[in-house]
N, C-alpha and C. Protein backbone atom coordinates (compact mmCIF):
# COMPACT_ATOMS: atom_id res chain seq x y z
N MET A 1 20.71 4.66 -5.55
CA MET A 1 19.55 3.79 -5.59
C MET A 1 18.33 4.66 -5.89
N ASN A 2 17.53 4.26 -6.89
CA ASN A 2 16.34 5.04 -7.20
C ASN A 2 15.15 4.56 -6.37
N ASN A 3 14.03 5.28 -6.48
CA ASN A 3 12.85 4.95 -5.67
C ASN A 3 12.32 3.56 -5.95
N VAL A 4 12.36 3.11 -7.19
CA VAL A 4 11.87 1.78 -7.52
C VAL A 4 12.69 0.72 -6.81
N GLU A 5 14.00 0.86 -6.83
CA GLU A 5 14.87 -0.10 -6.16
C GLU A 5 14.64 -0.10 -4.65
N SER A 6 14.42 1.07 -4.07
CA SER A 6 14.28 1.14 -2.63
C SER A 6 12.92 0.64 -2.15
N THR A 7 11.92 0.61 -3.04
CA THR A 7 10.60 0.17 -2.62
C THR A 7 10.30 -1.26 -3.04
N ASN A 8 11.09 -1.82 -3.94
CA ASN A 8 10.87 -3.20 -4.34
C ASN A 8 11.27 -4.13 -3.21
N LEU A 9 10.36 -5.02 -2.89
CA LEU A 9 10.60 -5.97 -1.82
C LEU A 9 10.32 -7.35 -2.40
N ASN A 10 11.18 -8.30 -2.09
CA ASN A 10 10.96 -9.66 -2.56
C ASN A 10 11.34 -10.64 -1.46
N ILE A 11 11.03 -11.88 -1.69
CA ILE A 11 11.27 -12.90 -0.67
C ILE A 11 12.76 -13.04 -0.36
N THR A 12 13.60 -12.79 -1.33
CA THR A 12 15.05 -12.88 -1.11
C THR A 12 15.50 -11.80 -0.12
N SER A 13 15.02 -10.60 -0.28
CA SER A 13 15.41 -9.52 0.65
C SER A 13 14.88 -9.79 2.05
N ILE A 14 13.71 -10.39 2.14
CA ILE A 14 13.15 -10.75 3.45
C ILE A 14 14.01 -11.84 4.09
N MET A 15 14.39 -12.85 3.32
CA MET A 15 15.22 -13.94 3.84
C MET A 15 16.61 -13.43 4.24
N ASP A 16 17.16 -12.50 3.47
CA ASP A 16 18.46 -11.92 3.82
C ASP A 16 18.38 -11.18 5.15
N ALA A 17 17.31 -10.41 5.33
CA ALA A 17 17.13 -9.69 6.60
C ALA A 17 16.93 -10.68 7.75
N LEU A 18 16.19 -11.74 7.50
CA LEU A 18 15.97 -12.76 8.53
C LEU A 18 17.29 -13.44 8.92
N SER A 19 18.15 -13.69 7.95
CA SER A 19 19.46 -14.27 8.24
C SER A 19 20.30 -13.35 9.12
N LYS A 20 20.22 -12.05 8.87
CA LYS A 20 20.94 -11.08 9.70
C LYS A 20 20.41 -11.09 11.13
N VAL A 21 19.08 -11.19 11.27
CA VAL A 21 18.47 -11.24 12.60
C VAL A 21 18.92 -12.51 13.33
N GLU A 22 18.97 -13.61 12.60
CA GLU A 22 19.46 -14.87 13.19
C GLU A 22 20.88 -14.71 13.71
N LYS A 23 21.72 -14.14 12.89
CA LYS A 23 23.14 -14.01 13.22
C LYS A 23 23.33 -13.10 14.44
N VAL A 24 22.65 -11.98 14.47
CA VAL A 24 22.79 -11.03 15.56
C VAL A 24 22.27 -11.61 16.88
N ASN A 25 21.18 -12.35 16.80
CA ASN A 25 20.56 -12.90 18.02
C ASN A 25 21.05 -14.29 18.38
N HIS A 26 21.92 -14.85 17.55
CA HIS A 26 22.46 -16.20 17.78
C HIS A 26 21.34 -17.21 18.01
N ILE A 27 20.40 -17.23 17.04
CA ILE A 27 19.22 -18.09 17.16
C ILE A 27 18.89 -18.69 15.80
N ASP A 28 18.28 -19.86 15.82
CA ASP A 28 17.84 -20.54 14.61
C ASP A 28 16.38 -20.18 14.38
N LEU A 29 16.10 -19.53 13.26
CA LEU A 29 14.74 -19.11 12.94
C LEU A 29 14.17 -19.88 11.76
N ASN A 30 14.50 -21.17 11.67
CA ASN A 30 14.00 -21.98 10.56
C ASN A 30 12.48 -22.09 10.53
N VAL A 31 11.84 -22.04 11.69
CA VAL A 31 10.38 -22.09 11.72
C VAL A 31 9.79 -20.89 10.98
N ILE A 32 10.38 -19.73 11.22
CA ILE A 32 9.92 -18.52 10.52
C ILE A 32 10.24 -18.62 9.04
N LYS A 33 11.44 -19.04 8.71
CA LYS A 33 11.83 -19.16 7.30
C LYS A 33 10.87 -20.08 6.55
N THR A 34 10.57 -21.22 7.14
CA THR A 34 9.66 -22.18 6.51
C THR A 34 8.29 -21.56 6.31
N SER A 35 7.80 -20.88 7.32
CA SER A 35 6.49 -20.24 7.24
C SER A 35 6.44 -19.21 6.12
N LEU A 36 7.48 -18.39 6.02
CA LEU A 36 7.51 -17.36 4.98
C LEU A 36 7.69 -17.97 3.60
N LEU A 37 8.54 -18.98 3.49
CA LEU A 37 8.79 -19.60 2.18
C LEU A 37 7.61 -20.45 1.70
N ASP A 38 6.77 -20.90 2.63
CA ASP A 38 5.57 -21.65 2.23
C ASP A 38 4.55 -20.76 1.53
N ALA A 39 4.61 -19.47 1.80
CA ALA A 39 3.68 -18.52 1.18
C ALA A 39 4.43 -17.22 0.86
N PRO A 40 5.33 -17.28 -0.12
CA PRO A 40 6.20 -16.12 -0.38
C PRO A 40 5.45 -14.87 -0.85
N VAL A 41 4.40 -15.04 -1.63
CA VAL A 41 3.65 -13.87 -2.11
C VAL A 41 2.99 -13.15 -0.93
N GLU A 42 2.42 -13.92 -0.03
CA GLU A 42 1.78 -13.33 1.14
C GLU A 42 2.82 -12.67 2.04
N ALA A 43 3.99 -13.29 2.16
CA ALA A 43 5.06 -12.70 2.97
C ALA A 43 5.47 -11.34 2.42
N VAL A 44 5.63 -11.25 1.12
CA VAL A 44 6.01 -9.98 0.50
C VAL A 44 4.91 -8.95 0.72
N LYS A 45 3.66 -9.34 0.55
CA LYS A 45 2.54 -8.41 0.77
C LYS A 45 2.51 -7.93 2.22
N THR A 46 2.71 -8.86 3.15
CA THR A 46 2.69 -8.50 4.57
C THR A 46 3.81 -7.52 4.90
N PHE A 47 5.03 -7.83 4.48
CA PHE A 47 6.15 -6.96 4.81
C PHE A 47 6.08 -5.63 4.07
N THR A 48 5.49 -5.61 2.90
CA THR A 48 5.26 -4.34 2.20
C THR A 48 4.29 -3.49 3.01
N SER A 49 3.26 -4.11 3.52
CA SER A 49 2.29 -3.42 4.35
C SER A 49 2.93 -2.92 5.64
N VAL A 50 3.73 -3.77 6.26
CA VAL A 50 4.40 -3.42 7.51
C VAL A 50 5.36 -2.24 7.30
N LYS A 51 6.07 -2.25 6.18
CA LYS A 51 7.01 -1.16 5.89
C LYS A 51 6.31 0.19 5.81
N GLY A 52 5.03 0.17 5.41
CA GLY A 52 4.27 1.40 5.27
C GLY A 52 3.78 1.99 6.58
N GLU A 53 3.90 1.23 7.64
CA GLU A 53 3.43 1.70 8.94
C GLU A 53 4.52 2.49 9.64
N GLY A 54 4.12 3.57 10.28
CA GLY A 54 5.08 4.41 10.96
C GLY A 54 5.43 3.96 12.36
N SER A 55 4.46 3.39 13.06
CA SER A 55 4.72 3.04 14.45
C SER A 55 5.05 1.56 14.61
N ILE A 56 5.87 1.28 15.58
CA ILE A 56 6.24 -0.10 15.88
C ILE A 56 5.02 -0.88 16.33
N ASP A 57 4.13 -0.22 17.08
CA ASP A 57 2.90 -0.89 17.55
C ASP A 57 2.05 -1.35 16.38
N ASP A 58 1.90 -0.50 15.36
CA ASP A 58 1.11 -0.88 14.19
C ASP A 58 1.78 -2.02 13.42
N ARG A 59 3.09 -1.97 13.31
CA ARG A 59 3.83 -3.05 12.64
C ARG A 59 3.62 -4.36 13.40
N PHE A 60 3.72 -4.28 14.73
CA PHE A 60 3.54 -5.46 15.57
C PHE A 60 2.15 -6.06 15.39
N LYS A 61 1.13 -5.22 15.36
CA LYS A 61 -0.25 -5.68 15.20
C LYS A 61 -0.44 -6.40 13.87
N ILE A 62 0.12 -5.87 12.82
CA ILE A 62 0.01 -6.51 11.50
C ILE A 62 0.69 -7.87 11.52
N LEU A 63 1.89 -7.93 12.06
CA LEU A 63 2.64 -9.18 12.09
C LEU A 63 1.94 -10.24 12.95
N VAL A 64 1.38 -9.84 14.07
CA VAL A 64 0.65 -10.79 14.92
C VAL A 64 -0.59 -11.31 14.21
N SER A 65 -1.29 -10.43 13.51
CA SER A 65 -2.50 -10.88 12.82
C SER A 65 -2.19 -11.75 11.61
N GLU A 66 -1.10 -11.47 10.92
CA GLU A 66 -0.74 -12.24 9.73
C GLU A 66 -0.05 -13.56 10.07
N TYR A 67 0.63 -13.61 11.20
CA TYR A 67 1.36 -14.81 11.59
C TYR A 67 0.99 -15.24 13.01
N PRO A 68 -0.27 -15.64 13.21
CA PRO A 68 -0.71 -16.04 14.56
C PRO A 68 0.03 -17.27 15.10
N ASN A 69 0.54 -18.08 14.20
CA ASN A 69 1.29 -19.27 14.62
C ASN A 69 2.72 -18.94 15.06
N LEU A 70 3.13 -17.69 14.88
CA LEU A 70 4.48 -17.27 15.25
C LEU A 70 4.48 -16.18 16.32
N THR A 71 3.44 -16.15 17.14
CA THR A 71 3.31 -15.05 18.11
C THR A 71 4.49 -14.94 19.06
N HIS A 72 5.12 -16.06 19.38
CA HIS A 72 6.27 -16.00 20.28
C HIS A 72 7.54 -15.53 19.58
N GLN A 73 7.48 -15.39 18.27
CA GLN A 73 8.66 -14.97 17.52
C GLN A 73 8.42 -13.68 16.73
N VAL A 74 7.32 -13.01 17.01
CA VAL A 74 7.00 -11.78 16.28
C VAL A 74 8.07 -10.71 16.48
N ASN A 75 8.73 -10.72 17.63
CA ASN A 75 9.79 -9.73 17.83
C ASN A 75 10.89 -9.87 16.77
N TYR A 76 11.17 -11.08 16.32
CA TYR A 76 12.18 -11.26 15.27
C TYR A 76 11.65 -10.77 13.92
N LEU A 77 10.36 -10.99 13.67
CA LEU A 77 9.75 -10.47 12.44
C LEU A 77 9.77 -8.94 12.45
N LEU A 78 9.59 -8.37 13.61
CA LEU A 78 9.65 -6.92 13.74
C LEU A 78 11.06 -6.42 13.44
N GLU A 79 12.06 -7.13 13.90
CA GLU A 79 13.45 -6.78 13.58
C GLU A 79 13.70 -6.88 12.07
N VAL A 80 13.15 -7.91 11.44
CA VAL A 80 13.28 -8.06 9.99
C VAL A 80 12.66 -6.84 9.30
N SER A 81 11.48 -6.45 9.75
CA SER A 81 10.81 -5.30 9.11
C SER A 81 11.63 -4.02 9.24
N ALA A 82 12.35 -3.88 10.34
CA ALA A 82 13.19 -2.69 10.53
C ALA A 82 14.37 -2.69 9.55
N LEU A 83 14.85 -3.87 9.19
CA LEU A 83 15.98 -3.98 8.26
C LEU A 83 15.58 -3.76 6.81
N LEU A 84 14.30 -3.92 6.53
CA LEU A 84 13.84 -3.77 5.15
C LEU A 84 13.63 -2.30 4.83
């Protein structure tokens, strides 16, 4: 895999990671999926930004600020970011 492939992020890769998080945690995350799919460009920008952060705390802060309506589920978004 070259650098371009490893840094390209799209809504499909985010949804795939979210599906894995669902499966591992035995939970339905349709609310998150809907939120991300309603604004796919913003989702890609957010997760690209999150991927660039080194600390979990900084990733958490970005996700909370970008998805205030999902504050109770940010831990799952954090898991998604780790898979990307």
